[in-house]
Amino acid sequence: MLTSIPLGWLWLLAAASLALSSLLLGTWIPLRKFRIAYPVVMTAGGALLVAVCRWNDIGLSGALVMYACAHLGLTLGLLPQRTLFREILDRRHRGEPTHHLKAPPRHQLFLAASVVTVLLAGFALTR
């Protein structure tokens, strides 16, 4: 279904999902290095995904849809952990140890479930 959309719109969808993910995660993790590194790493990962998909005879449009869905699932999955990110950053600025602060298992489960669910939905939309 989504693969029948013109390729320009799919590139726009991938860029918009990267921008949304970078913007939201950048506000949840307000570190300058993260704000610079995250979009660079995710763009490189997207290029690698497109290369691997093309190598395995998966169309470019399917790869772009899956890339956008992965970003949306990741952003949605990290939503409950945004307060933990802020607390870790605040404690780090005060010089307190942060190694004991970990995400609860239910947050980790929600992250995994949201990424898998959105990717499955994206896969279904490409067929």
PDB file of N, CA and C in Angstrom:
ATOM      1  N   MET A   1       0.823  -1.184   0.000  1.00  0.00           N
ATOM      2  CA  MET A   1       0.000   0.000   0.000  1.00  0.00           C
ATOM      3  C   MET A   1       0.873   1.256   0.000  1.00  0.00           C
ATOM      4  N   LEU A   2       1.786   1.373   0.976  1.00  0.00           N
ATOM      5  CA  LEU A   2       2.635   2.561   1.018  1.00  0.00           C
ATOM      6  C   LEU A   2       3.695   2.558  -0.072  1.00  0.00           C
ATOM      7  N   THR A   3       4.014   1.391  -0.604  1.00  0.00           N
ATOM      8  CA  THR A   3       5.043   1.350  -1.644  1.00  0.00           C
ATOM      9  C   THR A   3       4.531   1.881  -2.977  1.00  0.00           C
ATOM     10  N   SER A   4       3.230   2.079  -3.094  1.00  0.00           N
ATOM     11  CA  SER A   4       2.690   2.645  -4.330  1.00  0.00           C
ATOM     12  C   SER A   4       2.741   4.179  -4.336  1.00  0.00           C
ATOM     13  N   ILE A   5       3.088   4.763  -3.202  1.00  0.00           N
ATOM     14  CA  ILE A   5       3.234   6.222  -3.103  1.00  0.00           C
ATOM     15  C   ILE A   5       4.516   6.625  -3.845  1.00  0.00           C
ATOM     16  N   PRO A   6       4.538   7.777  -4.499  1.00  0.00           N
ATOM     17  CA  PRO A   6       5.768   8.211  -5.174  1.00  0.00           C
ATOM     18  C   PRO A   6       6.954   8.265  -4.212  1.00  0.00           C
ATOM     19  N   LEU A   7       8.124   7.953  -4.735  1.00  0.00           N
ATOM     20  CA  LEU A   7       9.327   7.816  -3.922  1.00  0.00           C
ATOM     21  C   LEU A   7       9.694   9.106  -3.183  1.00  0.00           C
ATOM     22  N   GLY A   8       9.398  10.252  -3.772  1.00  0.00           N
ATOM     23  CA  GLY A   8       9.697  11.523  -3.116  1.00  0.00           C
ATOM     24  C   GLY A   8       8.971  11.681  -1.789  1.00  0.00           C
ATOM     25  N   TRP A   9       7.731  11.219  -1.737  1.00  0.00           N
ATOM     26  CA  TRP A   9       6.959  11.295  -0.496  1.00  0.00           C
ATOM     27  C   TRP A   9       7.521  10.350   0.561  1.00  0.00           C
ATOM     28  N   LEU A  10       8.039   9.211   0.127  1.00  0.00           N
ATOM     29  CA  LEU A  10       8.628   8.270   1.088  1.00  0.00           C
ATOM     30  C   LEU A  10       9.938   8.815   1.662  1.00  0.00           C
ATOM     31  N   TRP A  11      10.712   9.513   0.827  1.00  0.00           N
ATOM     32  CA  TRP A  11      11.915  10.176   1.348  1.00  0.00           C
ATOM     33  C   TRP A  11      11.516  11.253   2.363  1.00  0.00           C
ATOM     34  N   LEU A  12      10.446  11.964   2.061  1.00  0.00           N
ATOM     35  CA  LEU A  12       9.959  12.982   2.992  1.00  0.00           C
ATOM     36  C   LEU A  12       9.470  12.346   4.292  1.00  0.00           C
ATOM     37  N   LEU A  13       8.791  11.204   4.193  1.00  0.00           N
ATOM     38  CA  LEU A  13       8.349  10.479   5.384  1.00  0.00           C
ATOM     39  C   LEU A  13       9.535  10.053   6.238  1.00  0.00           C
ATOM     40  N   ALA A  14      10.583   9.536   5.608  1.00  0.00           N
ATOM     41  CA  ALA A  14      11.776   9.115   6.352  1.00  0.00           C
ATOM     42  C   ALA A  14      12.467  10.314   6.996  1.00  0.00           C
ATOM     43  N   ALA A  15      12.572  11.419   6.274  1.00  0.00           N
ATOM     44  CA  ALA A  15      13.211  12.617   6.827  1.00  0.00           C
ATOM     45  C   ALA A  15      12.383  13.204   7.968  1.00  0.00           C
ATOM     46  N   ALA A  16      11.062  13.204   7.816  1.00  0.00           N
ATOM     47  CA  ALA A  16      10.198  13.740   8.872  1.00  0.00           C
ATOM     48  C   ALA A  16      10.259  12.875  10.124  1.00  0.00           C
ATOM     49  N   SER A  17      10.322  11.558   9.968  1.00  0.00           N
ATOM     50  CA  SER A  17      10.406  10.692  11.148  1.00  0.00           C
ATOM     51  C   SER A  17      11.747  10.870  11.841  1.00  0.00           C
ATOM     52  N   LEU A  18      12.825  11.054  11.072  1.00  0.00           N
ATOM     53  CA  LEU A  18      14.136  11.316  11.669  1.00  0.00           C
ATOM     54  C   LEU A  18      14.124  12.661  12.402  1.00  0.00           C
ATOM     55  N   ALA A  19      13.532  13.673  11.803  1.00  0.00           N
ATOM     56  CA  ALA A  19      13.474  14.994  12.437  1.00  0.00           C
ATOM     57  C   ALA A  19      12.645  14.948  13.716  1.00  0.00           C
ATOM     58  N   LEU A  20      11.504  14.276  13.679  1.00  0.00           N
ATOM     59  CA  LEU A  20      10.660  14.175  14.865  1.00  0.00           C
ATOM     60  C   LEU A  20      11.377  13.412  15.971  1.00  0.00           C
ATOM     61  N   SER A  21      11.998  12.313  15.620  1.00  0.00           N
ATOM     62  CA  SER A  21      12.718  11.512  16.597  1.00  0.00           C
ATOM     63  C   SER A  21      13.882  12.309  17.192  1.00  0.00           C
ATOM     64  N   SER A  22      14.634  13.001  16.352  1.00  0.00           N
ATOM     65  CA  SER A  22      15.766  13.800  16.831  1.00  0.00           C
ATOM     66  C   SER A  22      15.300  14.941  17.727  1.00  0.00           C
ATOM     67  N   LEU A  23      14.224  15.579  17.346  1.00  0.00           N
ATOM     68  CA  LEU A  23      13.706  16.701  18.135  1.00  0.00           C
ATOM     69  C   LEU A  23      13.238  16.238  19.511  1.00  0.00           C
ATOM     70  N   LEU A  24      12.422  15.184  19.545  1.00  0.00           N
ATOM     71  CA  LEU A  24      11.895  14.717  20.824  1.00  0.00           C
ATOM     72  C   LEU A  24      12.985  14.130  21.713  1.00  0.00           C
ATOM     73  N   LEU A  25      13.830  13.287  21.156  1.00  0.00           N
ATOM     74  CA  LEU A  25      14.894  12.708  21.970  1.00  0.00           C
ATOM     75  C   LEU A  25      15.903  13.764  22.389  1.00  0.00           C
ATOM     76  N   GLY A  26      16.092  14.777  21.566  1.00  0.00           N
ATOM     77  CA  GLY A  26      16.981  15.878  21.939  1.00  0.00           C
ATOM     78  C   GLY A  26      16.453  16.697  23.105  1.00  0.00           C
ATOM     79  N   THR A  27      15.134  16.796  23.234  1.00  0.00           N
ATOM     80  CA  THR A  27      14.583  17.496  24.399  1.00  0.00           C
ATOM     81  C   THR A  27      14.568  16.602  25.630  1.00  0.00           C
ATOM     82  N   TRP A  28      14.442  15.296  25.436  1.00  0.00           N
ATOM     83  CA  TRP A  28      14.450  14.384  26.580  1.00  0.00           C
ATOM     84  C   TRP A  28      15.862  14.145  27.093  1.00  0.00           C
ATOM     85  N   ILE A  29      16.844  14.181  26.198  1.00  0.00           N
ATOM     86  CA  ILE A  29      18.253  13.988  26.565  1.00  0.00           C
ATOM     87  C   ILE A  29      18.994  15.239  26.114  1.00  0.00           C
ATOM     88  N   PRO A  30      18.972  16.295  26.919  1.00  0.00           N
ATOM     89  CA  PRO A  30      19.511  17.576  26.455  1.00  0.00           C
ATOM     90  C   PRO A  30      21.042  17.668  26.553  1.00  0.00           C
ATOM     91  N   LEU A  31      21.729  16.770  25.888  1.00  0.00           N
ATOM     92  CA  LEU A  31      23.183  16.830  25.791  1.00  0.00           C
ATOM     93  C   LEU A  31      23.549  17.265  24.376  1.00  0.00           C
ATOM     94  N   ARG A  32      24.461  18.208  24.272  1.00  0.00           N
ATOM     95  CA  ARG A  32      24.827  18.734  22.958  1.00  0.00           C
ATOM     96  C   ARG A  32      25.417  17.640  22.068  1.00  0.00           C
ATOM     97  N   LYS A  33      26.257  16.786  22.641  1.00  0.00           N
ATOM     98  CA  LYS A  33      26.865  15.711  21.857  1.00  0.00           C
ATOM     99  C   LYS A  33      25.801  14.748  21.329  1.00  0.00           C
ATOM    100  N   PHE A  34      24.796  14.469  22.140  1.00  0.00           N
ATOM    101  CA  PHE A  34      23.731  13.578  21.699  1.00  0.00           C
ATOM    102  C   PHE A  34      22.939  14.202  20.564  1.00  0.00           C
ATOM    103  N   ARG A  35      22.629  15.486  20.694  1.00  0.00           N
ATOM    104  CA  ARG A  35      21.842  16.172  19.660  1.00  0.00           C
ATOM    105  C   ARG A  35      22.551  16.202  18.318  1.00  0.00           C
ATOM    106  N   ILE A  36      23.878  16.184  18.352  1.00  0.00           N
ATOM    107  CA  ILE A  36      24.650  16.163  17.106  1.00  0.00           C
ATOM    108  C   ILE A  36      24.829  14.738  16.612  1.00  0.00           C
ATOM    109  N   ALA A  37      25.151  13.830  17.514  1.00  0.00           N
ATOM    110  CA  ALA A  37      25.489  12.466  17.113  1.00  0.00           C
ATOM    111  C   ALA A  37      24.272  11.651  16.688  1.00  0.00           C
ATOM    112  N   TYR A  38      23.140  11.833  17.338  1.00  0.00           N
ATOM    113  CA  TYR A  38      21.972  10.998  17.051  1.00  0.00           C
ATOM    114  C   TYR A  38      21.523  11.090  15.589  1.00  0.00           C
ATOM    115  N   PRO A  39      21.298  12.286  15.043  1.00  0.00           N
ATOM    116  CA  PRO A  39      20.877  12.324  13.635  1.00  0.00           C
ATOM    117  C   PRO A  39      21.943  11.785  12.679  1.00  0.00           C
ATOM    118  N   VAL A  40      23.222  12.007  12.998  1.00  0.00           N
ATOM    119  CA  VAL A  40      24.292  11.516  12.135  1.00  0.00           C
ATOM    120  C   VAL A  40      24.320   9.994  12.138  1.00  0.00           C
ATOM    121  N   VAL A  41      24.246   9.410  13.324  1.00  0.00           N
ATOM    122  CA  VAL A  41      24.277   7.953  13.430  1.00  0.00           C
ATOM    123  C   VAL A  41      23.036   7.337  12.790  1.00  0.00           C
ATOM    124  N   MET A  42      21.878   7.928  13.009  1.00  0.00           N
ATOM    125  CA  MET A  42      20.653   7.382  12.436  1.00  0.00           C
ATOM    126  C   MET A  42      20.602   7.553  10.912  1.00  0.00           C
ATOM    127  N   THR A  43      21.182   8.601  10.392  1.00  0.00           N
ATOM    128  CA  THR A  43      21.255   8.760   8.943  1.00  0.00           C
ATOM    129  C   THR A  43      22.198   7.718   8.344  1.00  0.00           C
ATOM    130  N   ALA A  44      23.336   7.495   8.999  1.00  0.00           N
ATOM    131  CA  ALA A  44      24.263   6.456   8.532  1.00  0.00           C
ATOM    132  C   ALA A  44      23.614   5.076   8.624  1.00  0.00           C
ATOM    133  N   GLY A  45      22.878   4.833   9.711  1.00  0.00           N
ATOM    134  CA  GLY A  45      22.157   3.567   9.845  1.00  0.00           C
ATOM    135  C   GLY A  45      21.092   3.403   8.777  1.00  0.00           C
ATOM    136  N   GLY A  46      20.432   4.483   8.417  1.00  0.00           N
ATOM    137  CA  GLY A  46      19.432   4.440   7.351  1.00  0.00           C
ATOM    138  C   GLY A  46      20.061   4.148   6.004  1.00  0.00           C
ATOM    139  N   ALA A  47      21.229   4.739   5.756  1.00  0.00           N
ATOM    140  CA  ALA A  47      21.935   4.452   4.498  1.00  0.00           C
ATOM    141  C   ALA A  47      22.358   2.989   4.450  1.00  0.00           C
ATOM    142  N   LEU A  48      22.807   2.469   5.577  1.00  0.00           N
ATOM    143  CA  LEU A  48      23.177   1.053   5.648  1.00  0.00           C
ATOM    144  C   LEU A  48      21.954   0.163   5.441  1.00  0.00           C
ATOM    145  N   LEU A  49      20.824   0.542   6.026  1.00  0.00           N
ATOM    146  CA  LEU A  49      19.582  -0.210   5.843  1.00  0.00           C
ATOM    147  C   LEU A  49      19.170  -0.238   4.373  1.00  0.00           C
ATOM    148  N   VAL A  50      19.242   0.894   3.715  1.00  0.00           N
ATOM    149  CA  VAL A  50      18.886   0.950   2.301  1.00  0.00           C
ATOM    150  C   VAL A  50      19.835   0.082   1.483  1.00  0.00           C
ATOM    151  N   ALA A  51      21.122   0.124   1.795  1.00  0.00           N
ATOM    152  CA  ALA A  51      22.092  -0.697   1.062  1.00  0.00           C
ATOM    153  C   ALA A  51      21.831  -2.185   1.261  1.00  0.00           C
ATOM    154  N   VAL A  52      21.558  -2.581   2.496  1.00  0.00           N
ATOM    155  CA  VAL A  52      21.286  -3.996   2.778  1.00  0.00           C
ATOM    156  C   VAL A  52      19.988  -4.437   2.103  1.00  0.00           C
ATOM    157  N   CYS A  53      18.976  -3.589   2.143  1.00  0.00           N
ATOM    158  CA  CYS A  53      17.705  -3.932   1.492  1.00  0.00           C
ATOM    159  C   CYS A  53      17.881  -4.061  -0.017  1.00  0.00           C
ATOM    160  N   ARG A  54      18.629  -3.164  -0.611  1.00  0.00           N
ATOM    161  CA  ARG A  54      18.855  -3.255  -2.051  1.00  0.00           C
ATOM    162  C   ARG A  54      19.666  -4.504  -2.403  1.00  0.00           C
ATOM    163  N   TRP A  55      20.594  -4.874  -1.541  1.00  0.00           N
ATOM    164  CA  TRP A  55      21.423  -6.056  -1.757  1.00  0.00           C
ATOM    165  C   TRP A  55      20.583  -7.327  -1.663  1.00  0.00           C
ATOM    166  N   ASN A  56      19.549  -7.312  -0.828  1.00  0.00           N
ATOM    167  CA  ASN A  56      18.668  -8.466  -0.653  1.00  0.00           C
ATOM    168  C   ASN A  56      17.409  -8.374  -1.521  1.00  0.00           C
ATOM    169  N   ASP A  57      17.436  -7.559  -2.533  1.00  0.00           N
ATOM    170  CA  ASP A  57      16.332  -7.397  -3.487  1.00  0.00           C
ATOM    171  C   ASP A  57      15.033  -6.923  -2.841  1.00  0.00           C
ATOM    172  N   ILE A  58      15.149  -6.062  -1.842  1.00  0.00           N
ATOM    173  CA  ILE A  58      13.986  -5.399  -1.246  1.00  0.00           C
ATOM    174  C   ILE A  58      13.974  -3.980  -1.816  1.00  0.00           C
ATOM    175  N   GLY A  59      12.839  -3.532  -2.222  1.00  0.00           N
ATOM    176  CA  GLY A  59      12.735  -2.236  -2.882  1.00  0.00           C
ATOM    177  C   GLY A  59      13.088  -1.069  -1.969  1.00  0.00           C
ATOM    178  N   LEU A  60      13.488   0.018  -2.588  1.00  0.00           N
ATOM    179  CA  LEU A  60      13.838   1.225  -1.848  1.00  0.00           C
ATOM    180  C   LEU A  60      12.640   1.771  -1.086  1.00  0.00           C
ATOM    181  N   SER A  61      11.475   1.682  -1.673  1.00  0.00           N
ATOM    182  CA  SER A  61      10.287   2.210  -1.000  1.00  0.00           C
ATOM    183  C   SER A  61       9.982   1.412   0.268  1.00  0.00           C
ATOM    184  N   GLY A  62      10.144   0.110   0.238  1.00  0.00           N
ATOM    185  CA  GLY A  62       9.940  -0.701   1.439  1.00  0.00           C
ATOM    186  C   GLY A  62      10.950  -0.376   2.526  1.00  0.00           C
ATOM    187  N   ALA A  63      12.198  -0.142   2.130  1.00  0.00           N
ATOM    188  CA  ALA A  63      13.239   0.209   3.095  1.00  0.00           C
ATOM    189  C   ALA A  63      12.951   1.561   3.753  1.00  0.00           C
ATOM    190  N   LEU A  64      12.472   2.516   2.966  1.00  0.00           N
ATOM    191  CA  LEU A  64      12.169   3.838   3.527  1.00  0.00           C
ATOM    192  C   LEU A  64      10.991   3.783   4.492  1.00  0.00           C
ATOM    193  N   VAL A  65      10.001   2.988   4.183  1.00  0.00           N
ATOM    194  CA  VAL A  65       8.858   2.844   5.086  1.00  0.00           C
ATOM    195  C   VAL A  65       9.301   2.189   6.391  1.00  0.00           C
ATOM    196  N   MET A  66      10.111   1.146   6.301  1.00  0.00           N
ATOM    197  CA  MET A  66      10.576   0.470   7.510  1.00  0.00           C
ATOM    198  C   MET A  66      11.480   1.388   8.347  1.00  0.00           C
ATOM    199  N   TYR A  67      12.282   2.218   7.693  1.00  0.00           N
ATOM    200  CA  TYR A  67      13.138   3.178   8.389  1.00  0.00           C
ATOM    201  C   TYR A  67      12.292   4.187   9.164  1.00  0.00           C
ATOM    202  N   ALA A  68      11.263   4.707   8.523  1.00  0.00           N
ATOM    203  CA  ALA A  68      10.384   5.670   9.191  1.00  0.00           C
ATOM    204  C   ALA A  68       9.647   5.010  10.351  1.00  0.00           C
ATOM    205  N   CYS A  69       9.187   3.784  10.156  1.00  0.00           N
ATOM    206  CA  CYS A  69       8.478   3.078  11.227  1.00  0.00           C
ATOM    207  C   CYS A  69       9.400   2.771  12.399  1.00  0.00           C
ATOM    208  N   ALA A  70      10.646   2.449  12.115  1.00  0.00           N
ATOM    209  CA  ALA A  70      11.597   2.180  13.193  1.00  0.00           C
ATOM    210  C   ALA A  70      11.802   3.420  14.056  1.00  0.00           C
ATOM    211  N   HIS A  71      11.906   4.579  13.421  1.00  0.00           N
ATOM    212  CA  HIS A  71      12.059   5.817  14.190  1.00  0.00           C
ATOM    213  C   HIS A  71      10.820   6.121  15.024  1.00  0.00           C
ATOM    214  N   LEU A  72       9.670   5.933  14.447  1.00  0.00           N
ATOM    215  CA  LEU A  72       8.437   6.201  15.192  1.00  0.00           C
ATOM    216  C   LEU A  72       8.288   5.230  16.362  1.00  0.00           C
ATOM    217  N   GLY A  73       8.595   3.959  16.146  1.00  0.00           N
ATOM    218  CA  GLY A  73       8.513   2.983  17.225  1.00  0.00           C
ATOM    219  C   GLY A  73       9.507   3.265  18.331  1.00  0.00           C
ATOM    220  N   LEU A  74      10.723   3.664  17.967  1.00  0.00           N
ATOM    221  CA  LEU A  74      11.740   3.994  18.964  1.00  0.00           C
ATOM    222  C   LEU A  74      11.324   5.207  19.791  1.00  0.00           C
ATOM    223  N   THR A  75      10.836   6.232  19.128  1.00  0.00           N
ATOM    224  CA  THR A  75      10.419   7.443  19.841  1.00  0.00           C
ATOM    225  C   THR A  75       9.243   7.147  20.770  1.00  0.00           C
ATOM    226  N   LEU A  76       8.277   6.406  20.285  1.00  0.00           N
ATOM    227  CA  LEU A  76       7.134   6.040  21.111  1.00  0.00           C
ATOM    228  C   LEU A  76       7.565   5.160  22.280  1.00  0.00           C
ATOM    229  N   GLY A  77       8.469   4.235  22.028  1.00  0.00           N
ATOM    230  CA  GLY A  77       8.918   3.324  23.075  1.00  0.00           C
ATOM    231  C   GLY A  77       9.730   3.994  24.172  1.00  0.00           C
ATOM    232  N   LEU A  78      10.438   5.068  23.838  1.00  0.00           N
ATOM    233  CA  LEU A  78      11.236   5.777  24.837  1.00  0.00           C
ATOM    234  C   LEU A  78      10.443   6.838  25.598  1.00  0.00           C
ATOM    235  N   LEU A  79       9.201   7.010  25.244  1.00  0.00           N
ATOM    236  CA  LEU A  79       8.351   8.006  25.899  1.00  0.00           C
ATOM    237  C   LEU A  79       8.284   7.830  27.419  1.00  0.00           C
ATOM    238  N   PRO A  80       8.078   6.633  27.967  1.00  0.00           N
ATOM    239  CA  PRO A  80       8.019   6.514  29.428  1.00  0.00           C
ATOM    240  C   PRO A  80       9.353   6.767  30.129  1.00  0.00           C
ATOM    241  N   GLN A  81      10.462   6.708  29.408  1.00  0.00           N
ATOM    242  CA  GLN A  81      11.767   6.848  30.038  1.00  0.00           C
ATOM    243  C   GLN A  81      12.301   8.270  30.041  1.00  0.00           C
ATOM    244  N   ARG A  82      11.527   9.213  29.530  1.00  0.00           N
ATOM    245  CA  ARG A  82      12.042  10.574  29.429  1.00  0.00           C
ATOM    246  C   ARG A  82      12.336  11.189  30.790  1.00  0.00           C
ATOM    247  N   THR A  83      11.578  10.871  31.819  1.00  0.00           N
ATOM    248  CA  THR A  83      11.866  11.417  33.149  1.00  0.00           C
ATOM    249  C   THR A  83      13.140  10.798  33.718  1.00  0.00           C
ATOM    250  N   LEU A  84      13.388   9.537  33.416  1.00  0.00           N
ATOM    251  CA  LEU A  84      14.621   8.891  33.860  1.00  0.00           C
ATOM    252  C   LEU A  84      15.834   9.549  33.206  1.00  0.00           C
ATOM    253  N   PHE A  85      15.729   9.891  31.926  1.00  0.00           N
ATOM    254  CA  PHE A  85      16.825  10.571  31.240  1.00  0.00           C
ATOM    255  C   PHE A  85      17.147  11.898  31.915  1.00  0.00           C
ATOM    256  N   ARG A  86      16.120  12.653  32.236  1.00  0.00           N
ATOM    257  CA  ARG A  86      16.325  13.954  32.903  1.00  0.00           C
ATOM    258  C   ARG A  86      16.944  13.783  34.287  1.00  0.00           C
ATOM    259  N   GLU A  87      16.469  12.786  35.041  1.00  0.00           N
ATOM    260  CA  GLU A  87      17.005  12.558  36.377  1.00  0.00           C
ATOM    261  C   GLU A  87      18.480  12.175  36.318  1.00  0.00           C
ATOM    262  N   ILE A  88      18.842  11.329  35.382  1.00  0.00           N
ATOM    263  CA  ILE A  88      20.244  10.945  35.237  1.00  0.00           C
ATOM    264  C   ILE A  88      21.089  12.156  34.880  1.00  0.00           C
ATOM    265  N   LEU A  89      20.610  12.985  33.970  1.00  0.00           N
ATOM    266  CA  LEU A  89      21.364  14.169  33.578  1.00  0.00           C
ATOM    267  C   LEU A  89      21.503  15.157  34.737  1.00  0.00           C
ATOM    268  N   ASP A  90      20.420  15.365  35.500  1.00  0.00           N
ATOM    269  CA  ASP A  90      20.491  16.269  36.649  1.00  0.00           C
ATOM    270  C   ASP A  90      21.479  15.760  37.690  1.00  0.00           C
ATOM    271  N   ARG A  91      21.464  14.469  37.974  1.00  0.00           N
ATOM    272  CA  ARG A  91      22.393  13.914  38.956  1.00  0.00           C
ATOM    273  C   ARG A  91      23.833  13.996  38.463  1.00  0.00           C
ATOM    274  N   ARG A  92      24.026  13.811  37.171  1.00  0.00           N
ATOM    275  CA  ARG A  92      25.371  13.901  36.621  1.00  0.00           C
ATOM    276  C   ARG A  92      25.920  15.316  36.750  1.00  0.00           C
ATOM    277  N   HIS A  93      25.062  16.310  36.522  1.00  0.00           N
ATOM    278  CA  HIS A  93      25.485  17.705  36.657  1.00  0.00           C
ATOM    279  C   HIS A  93      25.820  18.051  38.106  1.00  0.00           C
ATOM    280  N   ARG A  94      25.143  17.407  39.059  1.00  0.00           N
ATOM    281  CA  ARG A  94      25.428  17.643  40.479  1.00  0.00           C
ATOM    282  C   ARG A  94      26.595  16.814  40.987  1.00  0.00           C
ATOM    283  N   GLY A  95      27.114  15.914  40.162  1.00  0.00           N
ATOM    284  CA  GLY A  95      28.248  15.089  40.557  1.00  0.00           C
ATOM    285  C   GLY A  95      27.865  13.841  41.329  1.00  0.00           C
ATOM    286  N   GLU A  96      26.616  13.480  41.334  1.00  0.00           N
ATOM    287  CA  GLU A  96      26.164  12.281  42.042  1.00  0.00           C
ATOM    288  C   GLU A  96      26.300  11.061  41.132  1.00  0.00           C
ATOM    289  N   PRO A  97      26.474   9.890  41.724  1.00  0.00           N
ATOM    290  CA  PRO A  97      26.571   8.678  40.888  1.00  0.00           C
ATOM    291  C   PRO A  97      25.215   8.341  40.254  1.00  0.00           C
ATOM    292  N   THR A  98      25.285   7.792  39.055  1.00  0.00           N
ATOM    293  CA  THR A  98      24.056   7.456  38.332  1.00  0.00           C
ATOM    294  C   THR A  98      24.011   5.997  37.901  1.00  0.00           C
ATOM    295  N   HIS A  99      25.019   5.222  38.284  1.00  0.00           N
ATOM    296  CA  HIS A  99      25.072   3.838  37.812  1.00  0.00           C
ATOM    297  C   HIS A  99      23.943   2.978  38.373  1.00  0.00           C
ATOM    298  N   HIS A 100      23.351   3.382  39.477  1.00  0.00           N
ATOM    299  CA  HIS A 100      22.272   2.594  40.071  1.00  0.00           C
ATOM    300  C   HIS A 100      20.901   2.889  39.440  1.00  0.00           C
ATOM    301  N   LEU A 101      20.809   3.947  38.644  1.00  0.00           N
ATOM    302  CA  LEU A 101      19.543   4.295  38.006  1.00  0.00           C
ATOM    303  C   LEU A 101      19.391   3.489  36.715  1.00  0.00           C
ATOM    304  N   LYS A 102      18.386   2.692  36.660  1.00  0.00           N
ATOM    305  CA  LYS A 102      18.128   1.873  35.475  1.00  0.00           C
ATOM    306  C   LYS A 102      16.644   1.961  35.131  1.00  0.00           C
ATOM    307  N   ALA A 103      16.368   1.711  33.880  1.00  0.00           N
ATOM    308  CA  ALA A 103      14.973   1.716  33.438  1.00  0.00           C
ATOM    309  C   ALA A 103      14.263   0.491  34.005  1.00  0.00           C
ATOM    310  N   PRO A 104      13.041   0.662  34.493  1.00  0.00           N
ATOM    311  CA  PRO A 104      12.282  -0.488  34.984  1.00  0.00           C
ATOM    312  C   PRO A 104      12.019  -1.487  33.856  1.00  0.00           C
ATOM    313  N   PRO A 105      11.882  -2.753  34.201  1.00  0.00           N
ATOM    314  CA  PRO A 105      11.625  -3.767  33.161  1.00  0.00           C
ATOM    315  C   PRO A 105      10.376  -3.480  32.337  1.00  0.00           C
ATOM    316  N   ARG A 106       9.360  -2.883  32.936  1.00  0.00           N
ATOM    317  CA  ARG A 106       8.142  -2.599  32.166  1.00  0.00           C
ATOM    318  C   ARG A 106       8.411  -1.543  31.093  1.00  0.00           C
ATOM    319  N   HIS A 107       9.328  -0.607  31.343  1.00  0.00           N
ATOM    320  CA  HIS A 107       9.688   0.378  30.328  1.00  0.00           C
ATOM    321  C   HIS A 107      10.460  -0.284  29.193  1.00  0.00           C
ATOM    322  N   GLN A 108      11.340  -1.204  29.543  1.00  0.00           N
ATOM    323  CA  GLN A 108      12.099  -1.919  28.519  1.00  0.00           C
ATOM    324  C   GLN A 108      11.166  -2.792  27.677  1.00  0.00           C
ATOM    325  N   LEU A 109      10.214  -3.413  28.331  1.00  0.00           N
ATOM    326  CA  LEU A 109       9.235  -4.229  27.616  1.00  0.00           C
ATOM    327  C   LEU A 109       8.382  -3.367  26.693  1.00  0.00           C
ATOM    328  N   PHE A 110       7.975  -2.197  27.170  1.00  0.00           N
ATOM    329  CA  PHE A 110       7.197  -1.283  26.344  1.00  0.00           C
ATOM    330  C   PHE A 110       7.999  -0.817  25.138  1.00  0.00           C
ATOM    331  N   LEU A 111       9.292  -0.546  25.331  1.00  0.00           N
ATOM    332  CA  LEU A 111      10.146  -0.137  24.221  1.00  0.00           C
ATOM    333  C   LEU A 111      10.208  -1.232  23.159  1.00  0.00           C
ATOM    334  N   ALA A 112      10.487  -2.444  23.588  1.00  0.00           N
ATOM    335  CA  ALA A 112      10.580  -3.554  22.634  1.00  0.00           C
ATOM    336  C   ALA A 112       9.240  -3.798  21.939  1.00  0.00           C
ATOM    337  N   ALA A 113       8.172  -3.774  22.706  1.00  0.00           N
ATOM    338  CA  ALA A 113       6.852  -4.037  22.123  1.00  0.00           C
ATOM    339  C   ALA A 113       6.445  -2.944  21.135  1.00  0.00           C
ATOM    340  N   SER A 114       6.749  -1.703  21.448  1.00  0.00           N
ATOM    341  CA  SER A 114       6.349  -0.625  20.541  1.00  0.00           C
ATOM    342  C   SER A 114       7.160  -0.657  19.246  1.00  0.00           C
ATOM    343  N   VAL A 115       8.455  -0.927  19.347  1.00  0.00           N
ATOM    344  CA  VAL A 115       9.270  -0.994  18.124  1.00  0.00           C
ATOM    345  C   VAL A 115       8.804  -2.150  17.247  1.00  0.00           C
ATOM    346  N   VAL A 116       8.600  -3.319  17.840  1.00  0.00           N
ATOM    347  CA  VAL A 116       8.176  -4.482  17.063  1.00  0.00           C
ATOM    348  C   VAL A 116       6.784  -4.261  16.465  1.00  0.00           C
ATOM    349  N   THR A 117       5.865  -3.705  17.241  1.00  0.00           N
ATOM    350  CA  THR A 117       4.502  -3.478  16.754  1.00  0.00           C
ATOM    351  C   THR A 117       4.474  -2.497  15.593  1.00  0.00           C
ATOM    352  N   VAL A 118       5.200  -1.392  15.726  1.00  0.00           N
ATOM    353  CA  VAL A 118       5.206  -0.392  14.656  1.00  0.00           C
ATOM    354  C   VAL A 118       5.925  -0.938  13.419  1.00  0.00           C
ATOM    355  N   LEU A 119       6.986  -1.719  13.615  1.00  0.00           N
ATOM    356  CA  LEU A 119       7.652  -2.325  12.463  1.00  0.00           C
ATOM    357  C   LEU A 119       6.755  -3.331  11.757  1.00  0.00           C
ATOM    358  N   LEU A 120       6.015  -4.103  12.520  1.00  0.00           N
ATOM    359  CA  LEU A 120       5.072  -5.043  11.902  1.00  0.00           C
ATOM    360  C   LEU A 120       3.975  -4.302  11.144  1.00  0.00           C
ATOM    361  N   ALA A 121       3.504  -3.213  11.704  1.00  0.00           N
ATOM    362  CA  ALA A 121       2.512  -2.393  11.001  1.00  0.00           C
ATOM    363  C   ALA A 121       3.098  -1.809   9.725  1.00  0.00           C
ATOM    364  N   GLY A 122       4.340  -1.345   9.798  1.00  0.00           N
ATOM    365  CA  GLY A 122       4.998  -0.836   8.598  1.00  0.00           C
ATOM    366  C   GLY A 122       5.199  -1.917   7.557  1.00  0.00           C
ATOM    367  N   PHE A 123       5.559  -3.109   8.002  1.00  0.00           N
ATOM    368  CA  PHE A 123       5.722  -4.221   7.065  1.00  0.00           C
ATOM    369  C   PHE A 123       4.394  -4.560   6.397  1.00  0.00           C
ATOM    370  N   ALA A 124       3.324  -4.543   7.200  1.00  0.00           N
ATOM    371  CA  ALA A 124       2.010  -4.829   6.633  1.00  0.00           C
ATOM    372  C   ALA A 124       1.580  -3.764   5.625  1.00  0.00           C
ATOM    373  N   LEU A 125       1.978  -2.518   5.875  1.00  0.00           N
ATOM    374  CA  LEU A 125       1.614  -1.432   4.961  1.00  0.00           C
ATOM    375  C   LEU A 125       2.422  -1.451   3.673  1.00  0.00           C
ATOM    376  N   THR A 126       3.543  -2.179   3.661  1.00  0.00           N
ATOM    377  CA  THR A 126       4.323  -2.267   2.430  1.00  0.00           C
ATOM    378  C   THR A 126       3.855  -3.402   1.534  1.00  0.00           C
ATOM    379  N   ARG A 127       2.980  -4.247   2.013  1.00  0.00           N
ATOM    380  CA  ARG A 127       2.500  -5.398   1.216  1.00  0.00           C
ATOM    381  C   ARG A 127       1.187  -5.098   0.559  1.00  0.00           C
TER     382      ARG A 127
END
